[in-house]
Amino acid sequence: MKYHLNGFGLYDIASNEWEIYIDWNSENYYKLLSINEISLNPKGPKTWKYSREPYDPKKVIRGGSFLCNDSYCASYRVSARMPFSMDTGTNHTGFRCVKDI
């Protein structure tokens, strides 16, 4: 199998599990970003907002997992976002270690 680097010089960055992000989940944060500007690594909101569970702080998970199914999953794509309770553990969520250069 031949692998190809992406634009950042990385291989194989899509995975089979939801990835937990440091960003807080906010229902309208990304809708409020300007559509006329490019956002490089938006840092996310300063706090969470999730109307279904207003007292449970939520982080963002992205990407989908091997358990995704059309009947109960947002989607299996890198840009998919869902709220995630920080005290929840499952076998289909994980995180990726990164370092600024």
PDB file of N, CA and C in Angstrom:
ATOM      1  N   MET A   1       0.840  -1.181   0.000  1.00  0.00           N
ATOM      2  CA  MET A   1       0.000   0.000   0.000  1.00  0.00           C
ATOM      3  C   MET A   1       0.884   1.242   0.000  1.00  0.00           C
ATOM      4  N   LYS A   2       0.581   2.190  -0.840  1.00  0.00           N
ATOM      5  CA  LYS A   2       1.363   3.410  -0.923  1.00  0.00           C
ATOM      6  C   LYS A   2       0.633   4.525  -0.180  1.00  0.00           C
ATOM      7  N   TYR A   3       1.313   5.201   0.730  1.00  0.00           N
ATOM      8  CA  TYR A   3       0.728   6.287   1.502  1.00  0.00           C
ATOM      9  C   TYR A   3       1.133   7.629   0.910  1.00  0.00           C
ATOM     10  N   HIS A   4       0.264   8.602   1.041  1.00  0.00           N
ATOM     11  CA  HIS A   4       0.544   9.940   0.543  1.00  0.00           C
ATOM     12  C   HIS A   4       0.443  10.942   1.688  1.00  0.00           C
ATOM     13  N   LEU A   5       1.366  11.862   1.715  1.00  0.00           N
ATOM     14  CA  LEU A   5       1.329  12.929   2.708  1.00  0.00           C
ATOM     15  C   LEU A   5       0.188  13.882   2.394  1.00  0.00           C
ATOM     16  N   ASN A   6      -0.441  14.434   3.446  1.00  0.00           N
ATOM     17  CA  ASN A   6      -1.413  15.501   3.203  1.00  0.00           C
ATOM     18  C   ASN A   6      -0.670  16.833   3.126  1.00  0.00           C
ATOM     19  N   GLY A   7      -1.385  17.952   3.036  1.00  0.00           N
ATOM     20  CA  GLY A   7      -0.771  19.265   2.892  1.00  0.00           C
ATOM     21  C   GLY A   7       0.088  19.691   4.067  1.00  0.00           C
ATOM     22  N   PHE A   8      -0.063  19.016   5.218  1.00  0.00           N
ATOM     23  CA  PHE A   8       0.716  19.352   6.409  1.00  0.00           C
ATOM     24  C   PHE A   8       1.858  18.369   6.635  1.00  0.00           C
ATOM     25  N   GLY A   9       2.067  17.458   5.701  1.00  0.00           N
ATOM     26  CA  GLY A   9       3.140  16.481   5.835  1.00  0.00           C
ATOM     27  C   GLY A   9       2.793  15.329   6.762  1.00  0.00           C
ATOM     28  N   LEU A  10       1.505  15.042   6.941  1.00  0.00           N
ATOM     29  CA  LEU A  10       1.060  13.976   7.840  1.00  0.00           C
ATOM     30  C   LEU A  10       0.468  12.821   7.047  1.00  0.00           C
ATOM     31  N   TYR A  11       0.593  11.630   7.590  1.00  0.00           N
ATOM     32  CA  TYR A  11       0.000  10.437   7.002  1.00  0.00           C
ATOM     33  C   TYR A  11      -1.222  10.013   7.809  1.00  0.00           C
ATOM     34  N   ASP A  12      -2.215   9.460   7.153  1.00  0.00           N
ATOM     35  CA  ASP A  12      -3.288   8.681   7.777  1.00  0.00           C
ATOM     36  C   ASP A  12      -3.880   9.345   9.021  1.00  0.00           C
ATOM     37  N   ILE A  13      -4.462  10.520   8.871  1.00  0.00           N
ATOM     38  CA  ILE A  13      -4.976  11.211  10.056  1.00  0.00           C
ATOM     39  C   ILE A  13      -6.439  10.918  10.341  1.00  0.00           C
ATOM     40  N   ALA A  14      -7.144  10.233   9.466  1.00  0.00           N
ATOM     41  CA  ALA A  14      -8.517   9.825   9.755  1.00  0.00           C
ATOM     42  C   ALA A  14      -8.456   8.519  10.541  1.00  0.00           C
ATOM     43  N   SER A  15      -9.349   8.371  11.510  1.00  0.00           N
ATOM     44  CA  SER A  15      -9.315   7.163  12.331  1.00  0.00           C
ATOM     45  C   SER A  15     -10.707   6.555  12.417  1.00  0.00           C
ATOM     46  N   ASN A  16     -10.836   5.514  13.180  1.00  0.00           N
ATOM     47  CA  ASN A  16     -12.108   4.815  13.352  1.00  0.00           C
ATOM     48  C   ASN A  16     -12.751   5.111  14.693  1.00  0.00           C
ATOM     49  N   GLU A  17     -12.426   6.243  15.273  1.00  0.00           N
ATOM     50  CA  GLU A  17     -13.041   6.622  16.531  1.00  0.00           C
ATOM     51  C   GLU A  17     -13.236   8.130  16.568  1.00  0.00           C
ATOM     52  N   TRP A  18     -14.210   8.558  17.362  1.00  0.00           N
ATOM     53  CA  TRP A  18     -14.401   9.990  17.586  1.00  0.00           C
ATOM     54  C   TRP A  18     -13.168  10.521  18.287  1.00  0.00           C
ATOM     55  N   GLU A  19     -12.723  11.707  17.904  1.00  0.00           N
ATOM     56  CA  GLU A  19     -11.574  12.327  18.565  1.00  0.00           C
ATOM     57  C   GLU A  19     -12.074  13.447  19.464  1.00  0.00           C
ATOM     58  N   ILE A  20     -11.616  13.445  20.719  1.00  0.00           N
ATOM     59  CA  ILE A  20     -11.998  14.464  21.697  1.00  0.00           C
ATOM     60  C   ILE A  20     -11.095  15.681  21.494  1.00  0.00           C
ATOM     61  N   TYR A  21     -11.706  16.845  21.393  1.00  0.00           N
ATOM     62  CA  TYR A  21     -10.959  18.088  21.190  1.00  0.00           C
ATOM     63  C   TYR A  21     -10.955  18.914  22.473  1.00  0.00           C
ATOM     64  N   ILE A  22     -10.013  19.813  22.583  1.00  0.00           N
ATOM     65  CA  ILE A  22      -9.919  20.697  23.732  1.00  0.00           C
ATOM     66  C   ILE A  22     -11.018  21.769  23.702  1.00  0.00           C
ATOM     67  N   ASP A  23     -11.600  22.012  22.537  1.00  0.00           N
ATOM     68  CA  ASP A  23     -12.627  23.052  22.383  1.00  0.00           C
ATOM     69  C   ASP A  23     -13.892  22.714  23.158  1.00  0.00           C
ATOM     70  N   TRP A  24     -14.489  23.738  23.744  1.00  0.00           N
ATOM     71  CA  TRP A  24     -15.808  23.600  24.332  1.00  0.00           C
ATOM     72  C   TRP A  24     -16.834  23.489  23.215  1.00  0.00           C
ATOM     73  N   ASN A  25     -17.910  22.769  23.463  1.00  0.00           N
ATOM     74  CA  ASN A  25     -18.998  22.684  22.504  1.00  0.00           C
ATOM     75  C   ASN A  25     -19.944  23.856  22.708  1.00  0.00           C
ATOM     76  N   SER A  26     -20.285  24.529  21.649  1.00  0.00           N
ATOM     77  CA  SER A  26     -21.280  25.597  21.682  1.00  0.00           C
ATOM     78  C   SER A  26     -22.126  25.465  20.430  1.00  0.00           C
ATOM     79  N   GLU A  27     -23.422  25.424  20.607  1.00  0.00           N
ATOM     80  CA  GLU A  27     -24.324  25.107  19.503  1.00  0.00           C
ATOM     81  C   GLU A  27     -24.182  26.038  18.299  1.00  0.00           C
ATOM     82  N   ASN A  28     -23.909  27.309  18.516  1.00  0.00           N
ATOM     83  CA  ASN A  28     -23.898  28.265  17.412  1.00  0.00           C
ATOM     84  C   ASN A  28     -22.536  28.874  17.120  1.00  0.00           C
ATOM     85  N   TYR A  29     -21.498  28.441  17.780  1.00  0.00           N
ATOM     86  CA  TYR A  29     -20.188  29.082  17.642  1.00  0.00           C
ATOM     87  C   TYR A  29     -19.715  29.124  16.189  1.00  0.00           C
ATOM     88  N   TYR A  30     -19.729  27.997  15.510  1.00  0.00           N
ATOM     89  CA  TYR A  30     -19.187  27.951  14.156  1.00  0.00           C
ATOM     90  C   TYR A  30     -20.091  28.660  13.154  1.00  0.00           C
ATOM     91  N   LYS A  31     -21.383  28.744  13.449  1.00  0.00           N
ATOM     92  CA  LYS A  31     -22.297  29.488  12.580  1.00  0.00           C
ATOM     93  C   LYS A  31     -22.031  30.986  12.653  1.00  0.00           C
ATOM     94  N   LEU A  32     -21.476  31.454  13.777  1.00  0.00           N
ATOM     95  CA  LEU A  32     -21.220  32.874  13.958  1.00  0.00           C
ATOM     96  C   LEU A  32     -19.891  33.335  13.359  1.00  0.00           C
ATOM     97  N   LEU A  33     -19.031  32.394  12.985  1.00  0.00           N
ATOM     98  CA  LEU A  33     -17.768  32.774  12.347  1.00  0.00           C
ATOM     99  C   LEU A  33     -18.071  33.392  10.981  1.00  0.00           C
ATOM    100  N   SER A  34     -17.285  34.336  10.588  1.00  0.00           N
ATOM    101  CA  SER A  34     -17.492  35.017   9.314  1.00  0.00           C
ATOM    102  C   SER A  34     -17.295  34.056   8.150  1.00  0.00           C
ATOM    103  N   ILE A  35     -18.246  34.051   7.238  1.00  0.00           N
ATOM    104  CA  ILE A  35     -18.102  33.200   6.056  1.00  0.00           C
ATOM    105  C   ILE A  35     -17.197  33.849   5.021  1.00  0.00           C
ATOM    106  N   ASN A  36     -16.811  35.098   5.253  1.00  0.00           N
ATOM    107  CA  ASN A  36     -15.960  35.819   4.305  1.00  0.00           C
ATOM    108  C   ASN A  36     -14.483  35.754   4.676  1.00  0.00           C
ATOM    109  N   GLU A  37     -14.151  35.076   5.767  1.00  0.00           N
ATOM    110  CA  GLU A  37     -12.772  34.976   6.213  1.00  0.00           C
ATOM    111  C   GLU A  37     -12.390  33.516   6.385  1.00  0.00           C
ATOM    112  N   ILE A  38     -11.130  33.223   6.180  1.00  0.00           N
ATOM    113  CA  ILE A  38     -10.611  31.879   6.438  1.00  0.00           C
ATOM    114  C   ILE A  38     -10.220  31.815   7.904  1.00  0.00           C
ATOM    115  N   SER A  39     -10.661  30.786   8.597  1.00  0.00           N
ATOM    116  CA  SER A  39     -10.312  30.591  10.005  1.00  0.00           C
ATOM    117  C   SER A  39      -9.309  29.461  10.101  1.00  0.00           C
ATOM    118  N   LEU A  40      -8.092  29.781  10.464  1.00  0.00           N
ATOM    119  CA  LEU A  40      -7.085  28.758  10.688  1.00  0.00           C
ATOM    120  C   LEU A  40      -7.126  28.340  12.145  1.00  0.00           C
ATOM    121  N   ASN A  41      -7.481  27.118  12.391  1.00  0.00           N
ATOM    122  CA  ASN A  41      -7.559  26.565  13.740  1.00  0.00           C
ATOM    123  C   ASN A  41      -8.324  27.468  14.694  1.00  0.00           C
ATOM    124  N   PRO A  42      -9.619  27.672  14.468  1.00  0.00           N
ATOM    125  CA  PRO A  42     -10.384  28.489  15.419  1.00  0.00           C
ATOM    126  C   PRO A  42     -10.321  27.858  16.802  1.00  0.00           C
ATOM    127  N   LYS A  43     -10.121  28.660  17.814  1.00  0.00           N
ATOM    128  CA  LYS A  43      -9.889  28.164  19.177  1.00  0.00           C
ATOM    129  C   LYS A  43     -11.165  27.743  19.890  1.00  0.00           C
ATOM    130  N   GLY A  44     -12.301  28.013  19.309  1.00  0.00           N
ATOM    131  CA  GLY A  44     -13.557  27.616  19.943  1.00  0.00           C
ATOM    132  C   GLY A  44     -13.989  28.625  20.984  1.00  0.00           C
ATOM    133  N   PRO A  45     -15.195  28.438  21.513  1.00  0.00           N
ATOM    134  CA  PRO A  45     -15.740  29.386  22.487  1.00  0.00           C
ATOM    135  C   PRO A  45     -15.033  29.295  23.832  1.00  0.00           C
ATOM    136  N   LYS A  46     -15.207  30.336  24.650  1.00  0.00           N
ATOM    137  CA  LYS A  46     -14.575  30.363  25.983  1.00  0.00           C
ATOM    138  C   LYS A  46     -15.284  29.453  26.980  1.00  0.00           C
ATOM    139  N   THR A  47     -16.540  29.091  26.712  1.00  0.00           N
ATOM    140  CA  THR A  47     -17.297  28.189  27.575  1.00  0.00           C
ATOM    141  C   THR A  47     -18.279  27.393  26.721  1.00  0.00           C
ATOM    142  N   TRP A  48     -18.953  26.439  27.311  1.00  0.00           N
ATOM    143  CA  TRP A  48     -19.870  25.595  26.564  1.00  0.00           C
ATOM    144  C   TRP A  48     -21.283  26.173  26.575  1.00  0.00           C
ATOM    145  N   LYS A  49     -22.070  25.712  25.607  1.00  0.00           N
ATOM    146  CA  LYS A  49     -23.503  25.996  25.580  1.00  0.00           C
ATOM    147  C   LYS A  49     -24.165  24.840  24.858  1.00  0.00           C
ATOM    148  N   TYR A  50     -24.976  24.100  25.609  1.00  0.00           N
ATOM    149  CA  TYR A  50     -25.695  22.963  25.047  1.00  0.00           C
ATOM    150  C   TYR A  50     -27.058  22.927  25.701  1.00  0.00           C
ATOM    151  N   SER A  51     -28.077  23.358  24.981  1.00  0.00           N
ATOM    152  CA  SER A  51     -29.401  23.556  25.562  1.00  0.00           C
ATOM    153  C   SER A  51     -30.049  22.263  26.065  1.00  0.00           C
ATOM    154  N   ARG A  52     -29.721  21.130  25.487  1.00  0.00           N
ATOM    155  CA  ARG A  52     -30.321  19.869  25.941  1.00  0.00           C
ATOM    156  C   ARG A  52     -29.842  19.468  27.336  1.00  0.00           C
ATOM    157  N   GLU A  53     -28.602  19.805  27.659  1.00  0.00           N
ATOM    158  CA  GLU A  53     -28.027  19.484  28.973  1.00  0.00           C
ATOM    159  C   GLU A  53     -27.232  20.693  29.457  1.00  0.00           C
ATOM    160  N   PRO A  54     -27.912  21.747  29.916  1.00  0.00           N
ATOM    161  CA  PRO A  54     -27.227  23.011  30.220  1.00  0.00           C
ATOM    162  C   PRO A  54     -26.277  22.966  31.418  1.00  0.00           C
ATOM    163  N   TYR A  55     -26.355  21.931  32.262  1.00  0.00           N
ATOM    164  CA  TYR A  55     -25.499  21.873  33.448  1.00  0.00           C
ATOM    165  C   TYR A  55     -24.387  20.833  33.326  1.00  0.00           C
ATOM    166  N   ASP A  56     -24.249  20.247  32.146  1.00  0.00           N
ATOM    167  CA  ASP A  56     -23.204  19.253  31.912  1.00  0.00           C
ATOM    168  C   ASP A  56     -22.224  19.822  30.895  1.00  0.00           C
ATOM    169  N   PRO A  57     -21.035  20.251  31.335  1.00  0.00           N
ATOM    170  CA  PRO A  57     -20.052  20.826  30.407  1.00  0.00           C
ATOM    171  C   PRO A  57     -19.710  19.845  29.288  1.00  0.00           C
ATOM    172  N   LYS A  58     -19.698  20.334  28.072  1.00  0.00           N
ATOM    173  CA  LYS A  58     -19.440  19.480  26.915  1.00  0.00           C
ATOM    174  C   LYS A  58     -18.220  19.963  26.141  1.00  0.00           C
ATOM    175  N   LYS A  59     -17.389  19.027  25.749  1.00  0.00           N
ATOM    176  CA  LYS A  59     -16.302  19.278  24.813  1.00  0.00           C
ATOM    177  C   LYS A  59     -16.789  18.859  23.423  1.00  0.00           C
ATOM    178  N   VAL A  60     -15.974  19.084  22.408  1.00  0.00           N
ATOM    179  CA  VAL A  60     -16.309  18.694  21.049  1.00  0.00           C
ATOM    180  C   VAL A  60     -15.630  17.372  20.730  1.00  0.00           C
ATOM    181  N   ILE A  61     -16.373  16.471  20.099  1.00  0.00           N
ATOM    182  CA  ILE A  61     -15.753  15.302  19.484  1.00  0.00           C
ATOM    183  C   ILE A  61     -16.009  15.414  17.983  1.00  0.00           C
ATOM    184  N   ARG A  62     -15.048  14.919  17.208  1.00  0.00           N
ATOM    185  CA  ARG A  62     -15.152  15.031  15.746  1.00  0.00           C
ATOM    186  C   ARG A  62     -14.749  13.733  15.079  1.00  0.00           C
ATOM    187  N   GLY A  63     -15.307  13.490  13.907  1.00  0.00           N
ATOM    188  CA  GLY A  63     -14.803  12.459  13.022  1.00  0.00           C
ATOM    189  C   GLY A  63     -15.624  11.199  12.858  1.00  0.00           C
ATOM    190  N   GLY A  64     -16.439  10.824  13.801  1.00  0.00           N
ATOM    191  CA  GLY A  64     -17.185   9.580  13.692  1.00  0.00           C
ATOM    192  C   GLY A  64     -16.369   8.383  14.132  1.00  0.00           C
ATOM    193  N   SER A  65     -17.033   7.254  14.308  1.00  0.00           N
ATOM    194  CA  SER A  65     -16.335   6.054  14.772  1.00  0.00           C
ATOM    195  C   SER A  65     -16.784   4.837  13.973  1.00  0.00           C
ATOM    196  N   PHE A  66     -16.168   3.706  14.283  1.00  0.00           N
ATOM    197  CA  PHE A  66     -16.521   2.462  13.621  1.00  0.00           C
ATOM    198  C   PHE A  66     -17.939   2.026  13.961  1.00  0.00           C
ATOM    199  N   LEU A  67     -18.549   2.629  14.985  1.00  0.00           N
ATOM    200  CA  LEU A  67     -19.919   2.291  15.368  1.00  0.00           C
ATOM    201  C   LEU A  67     -20.966   3.161  14.681  1.00  0.00           C
ATOM    202  N   CYS A  68     -20.541   4.160  13.899  1.00  0.00           N
ATOM    203  CA  CYS A  68     -21.506   5.065  13.268  1.00  0.00           C
ATOM    204  C   CYS A  68     -22.452   4.310  12.339  1.00  0.00           C
ATOM    205  N   ASN A  69     -23.691   4.716  12.424  1.00  0.00           N
ATOM    206  CA  ASN A  69     -24.748   4.149  11.613  1.00  0.00           C
ATOM    207  C   ASN A  69     -25.707   5.284  11.285  1.00  0.00           C
ATOM    208  N   ASP A  70     -26.304   5.276  10.122  1.00  0.00           N
ATOM    209  CA  ASP A  70     -27.206   6.357   9.718  1.00  0.00           C
ATOM    210  C   ASP A  70     -28.347   6.594  10.704  1.00  0.00           C
ATOM    211  N   SER A  71     -28.750   5.582  11.451  1.00  0.00           N
ATOM    212  CA  SER A  71     -29.902   5.733  12.341  1.00  0.00           C
ATOM    213  C   SER A  71     -29.586   6.480  13.637  1.00  0.00           C
ATOM    214  N   TYR A  72     -28.320   6.596  14.040  1.00  0.00           N
ATOM    215  CA  TYR A  72     -28.033   7.255  15.313  1.00  0.00           C
ATOM    216  C   TYR A  72     -26.753   8.073  15.354  1.00  0.00           C
ATOM    217  N   CYS A  73     -26.065   8.232  14.280  1.00  0.00           N
ATOM    218  CA  CYS A  73     -24.786   8.930  14.288  1.00  0.00           C
ATOM    219  C   CYS A  73     -24.849  10.150  13.377  1.00  0.00           C
ATOM    220  N   ALA A  74     -24.193  11.251  13.776  1.00  0.00           N
ATOM    221  CA  ALA A  74     -24.222  12.475  12.975  1.00  0.00           C
ATOM    222  C   ALA A  74     -23.666  12.231  11.581  1.00  0.00           C
ATOM    223  N   SER A  75     -22.549  11.573  11.491  1.00  0.00           N
ATOM    224  CA  SER A  75     -21.972  11.178  10.206  1.00  0.00           C
ATOM    225  C   SER A  75     -20.567  10.660  10.445  1.00  0.00           C
ATOM    226  N   TYR A  76     -20.033  10.046   9.427  1.00  0.00           N
ATOM    227  CA  TYR A  76     -18.660   9.572   9.512  1.00  0.00           C
ATOM    228  C   TYR A  76     -17.836  10.394   8.540  1.00  0.00           C
ATOM    229  N   ARG A  77     -17.456  11.568   8.976  1.00  0.00           N
ATOM    230  CA  ARG A  77     -16.621  12.455   8.181  1.00  0.00           C
ATOM    231  C   ARG A  77     -15.793  13.285   9.142  1.00  0.00           C
ATOM    232  N   VAL A  78     -14.643  13.747   8.712  1.00  0.00           N
ATOM    233  CA  VAL A  78     -13.710  14.458   9.581  1.00  0.00           C
ATOM    234  C   VAL A  78     -14.342  15.716  10.170  1.00  0.00           C
ATOM    235  N   SER A  79     -15.192  16.392   9.433  1.00  0.00           N
ATOM    236  CA  SER A  79     -15.770  17.650   9.912  1.00  0.00           C
ATOM    237  C   SER A  79     -17.000  17.461  10.803  1.00  0.00           C
ATOM    238  N   ALA A  80     -17.459  16.243  11.016  1.00  0.00           N
ATOM    239  CA  ALA A  80     -18.617  16.006  11.886  1.00  0.00           C
ATOM    240  C   ALA A  80     -18.278  16.400  13.320  1.00  0.00           C
ATOM    241  N   ARG A  81     -19.194  17.097  13.977  1.00  0.00           N
ATOM    242  CA  ARG A  81     -18.981  17.523  15.372  1.00  0.00           C
ATOM    243  C   ARG A  81     -20.165  17.082  16.215  1.00  0.00           C
ATOM    244  N   MET A  82     -19.868  16.686  17.445  1.00  0.00           N
ATOM    245  CA  MET A  82     -20.924  16.348  18.402  1.00  0.00           C
ATOM    246  C   MET A  82     -20.476  16.774  19.791  1.00  0.00           C
ATOM    247  N   PRO A  83     -21.438  17.062  20.693  1.00  0.00           N
ATOM    248  CA  PRO A  83     -21.081  17.357  22.080  1.00  0.00           C
ATOM    249  C   PRO A  83     -20.678  16.072  22.803  1.00  0.00           C
ATOM    250  N   PHE A  84     -19.781  16.217  23.787  1.00  0.00           N
ATOM    251  CA  PHE A  84     -19.260  15.065  24.503  1.00  0.00           C
ATOM    252  C   PHE A  84     -19.075  15.413  25.971  1.00  0.00           C
ATOM    253  N   SER A  85     -19.656  14.623  26.864  1.00  0.00           N
ATOM    254  CA  SER A  85     -19.480  14.823  28.307  1.00  0.00           C
ATOM    255  C   SER A  85     -18.084  14.390  28.716  1.00  0.00           C
ATOM    256  N   MET A  86     -17.414  15.218  29.481  1.00  0.00           N
ATOM    257  CA  MET A  86     -16.031  14.933  29.851  1.00  0.00           C
ATOM    258  C   MET A  86     -15.898  13.744  30.795  1.00  0.00           C
ATOM    259  N   ASP A  87     -16.980  13.347  31.446  1.00  0.00           N
ATOM    260  CA  ASP A  87     -16.894  12.225  32.371  1.00  0.00           C
ATOM    261  C   ASP A  87     -17.382  10.916  31.737  1.00  0.00           C
ATOM    262  N   THR A  88     -17.454  10.882  30.424  1.00  0.00           N
ATOM    263  CA  THR A  88     -17.922   9.704  29.708  1.00  0.00           C
ATOM    264  C   THR A  88     -16.738   8.976  29.089  1.00  0.00           C
ATOM    265  N   GLY A  89     -16.730   7.685  29.210  1.00  0.00           N
ATOM    266  CA  GLY A  89     -15.699   6.887  28.575  1.00  0.00           C
ATOM    267  C   GLY A  89     -16.341   5.833  27.695  1.00  0.00           C
ATOM    268  N   THR A  90     -15.839   5.666  26.494  1.00  0.00           N
ATOM    269  CA  THR A  90     -16.349   4.649  25.589  1.00  0.00           C
ATOM    270  C   THR A  90     -15.171   4.040  24.835  1.00  0.00           C
ATOM    271  N   ASN A  91     -15.428   2.948  24.145  1.00  0.00           N
ATOM    272  CA  ASN A  91     -14.353   2.310  23.389  1.00  0.00           C
ATOM    273  C   ASN A  91     -14.215   2.876  21.985  1.00  0.00           C
ATOM    274  N   HIS A  92     -14.991   3.898  21.646  1.00  0.00           N
ATOM    275  CA  HIS A  92     -14.881   4.471  20.309  1.00  0.00           C
ATOM    276  C   HIS A  92     -14.628   5.979  20.346  1.00  0.00           C
ATOM    277  N   THR A  93     -13.985   6.454  21.416  1.00  0.00           N
ATOM    278  CA  THR A  93     -13.503   7.831  21.488  1.00  0.00           C
ATOM    279  C   THR A  93     -12.035   7.809  21.884  1.00  0.00           C
ATOM    280  N   GLY A  94     -11.310   8.804  21.445  1.00  0.00           N
ATOM    281  CA  GLY A  94      -9.895   8.895  21.775  1.00  0.00           C
ATOM    282  C   GLY A  94      -9.416  10.301  21.558  1.00  0.00           C
ATOM    283  N   PHE A  95      -8.112  10.519  21.670  1.00  0.00           N
ATOM    284  CA  PHE A  95      -7.546  11.847  21.439  1.00  0.00           C
ATOM    285  C   PHE A  95      -6.233  11.669  20.701  1.00  0.00           C
ATOM    286  N   ARG A  96      -5.788  12.754  20.120  1.00  0.00           N
ATOM    287  CA  ARG A  96      -4.553  12.750  19.361  1.00  0.00           C
ATOM    288  C   ARG A  96      -3.592  13.745  20.025  1.00  0.00           C
ATOM    289  N   CYS A  97      -2.401  13.318  20.294  1.00  0.00           N
ATOM    290  CA  CYS A  97      -1.394  14.209  20.872  1.00  0.00           C
ATOM    291  C   CYS A  97      -0.807  15.087  19.764  1.00  0.00           C
ATOM    292  N   VAL A  98      -0.692  16.375  20.036  1.00  0.00           N
ATOM    293  CA  VAL A  98      -0.125  17.294  19.056  1.00  0.00           C
ATOM    294  C   VAL A  98       0.883  18.194  19.735  1.00  0.00           C
ATOM    295  N   LYS A  99       1.737  18.800  18.926  1.00  0.00           N
ATOM    296  CA  LYS A  99       2.754  19.713  19.449  1.00  0.00           C
ATOM    297  C   LYS A  99       2.947  20.828  18.449  1.00  0.00           C
ATOM    298  N   ASP A 100       2.976  22.069  18.939  1.00  0.00           N
ATOM    299  CA  ASP A 100       3.291  23.192  18.077  1.00  0.00           C
ATOM    300  C   ASP A 100       4.755  23.122  17.680  1.00  0.00           C
ATOM    301  N   ILE A 101       5.037  23.510  16.446  1.00  0.00           N
ATOM    302  CA  ILE A 101       6.438  23.528  16.023  1.00  0.00           C
ATOM    303  C   ILE A 101       6.985  24.923  16.055  1.00  0.00           C
TER     304      ILE A 101
END
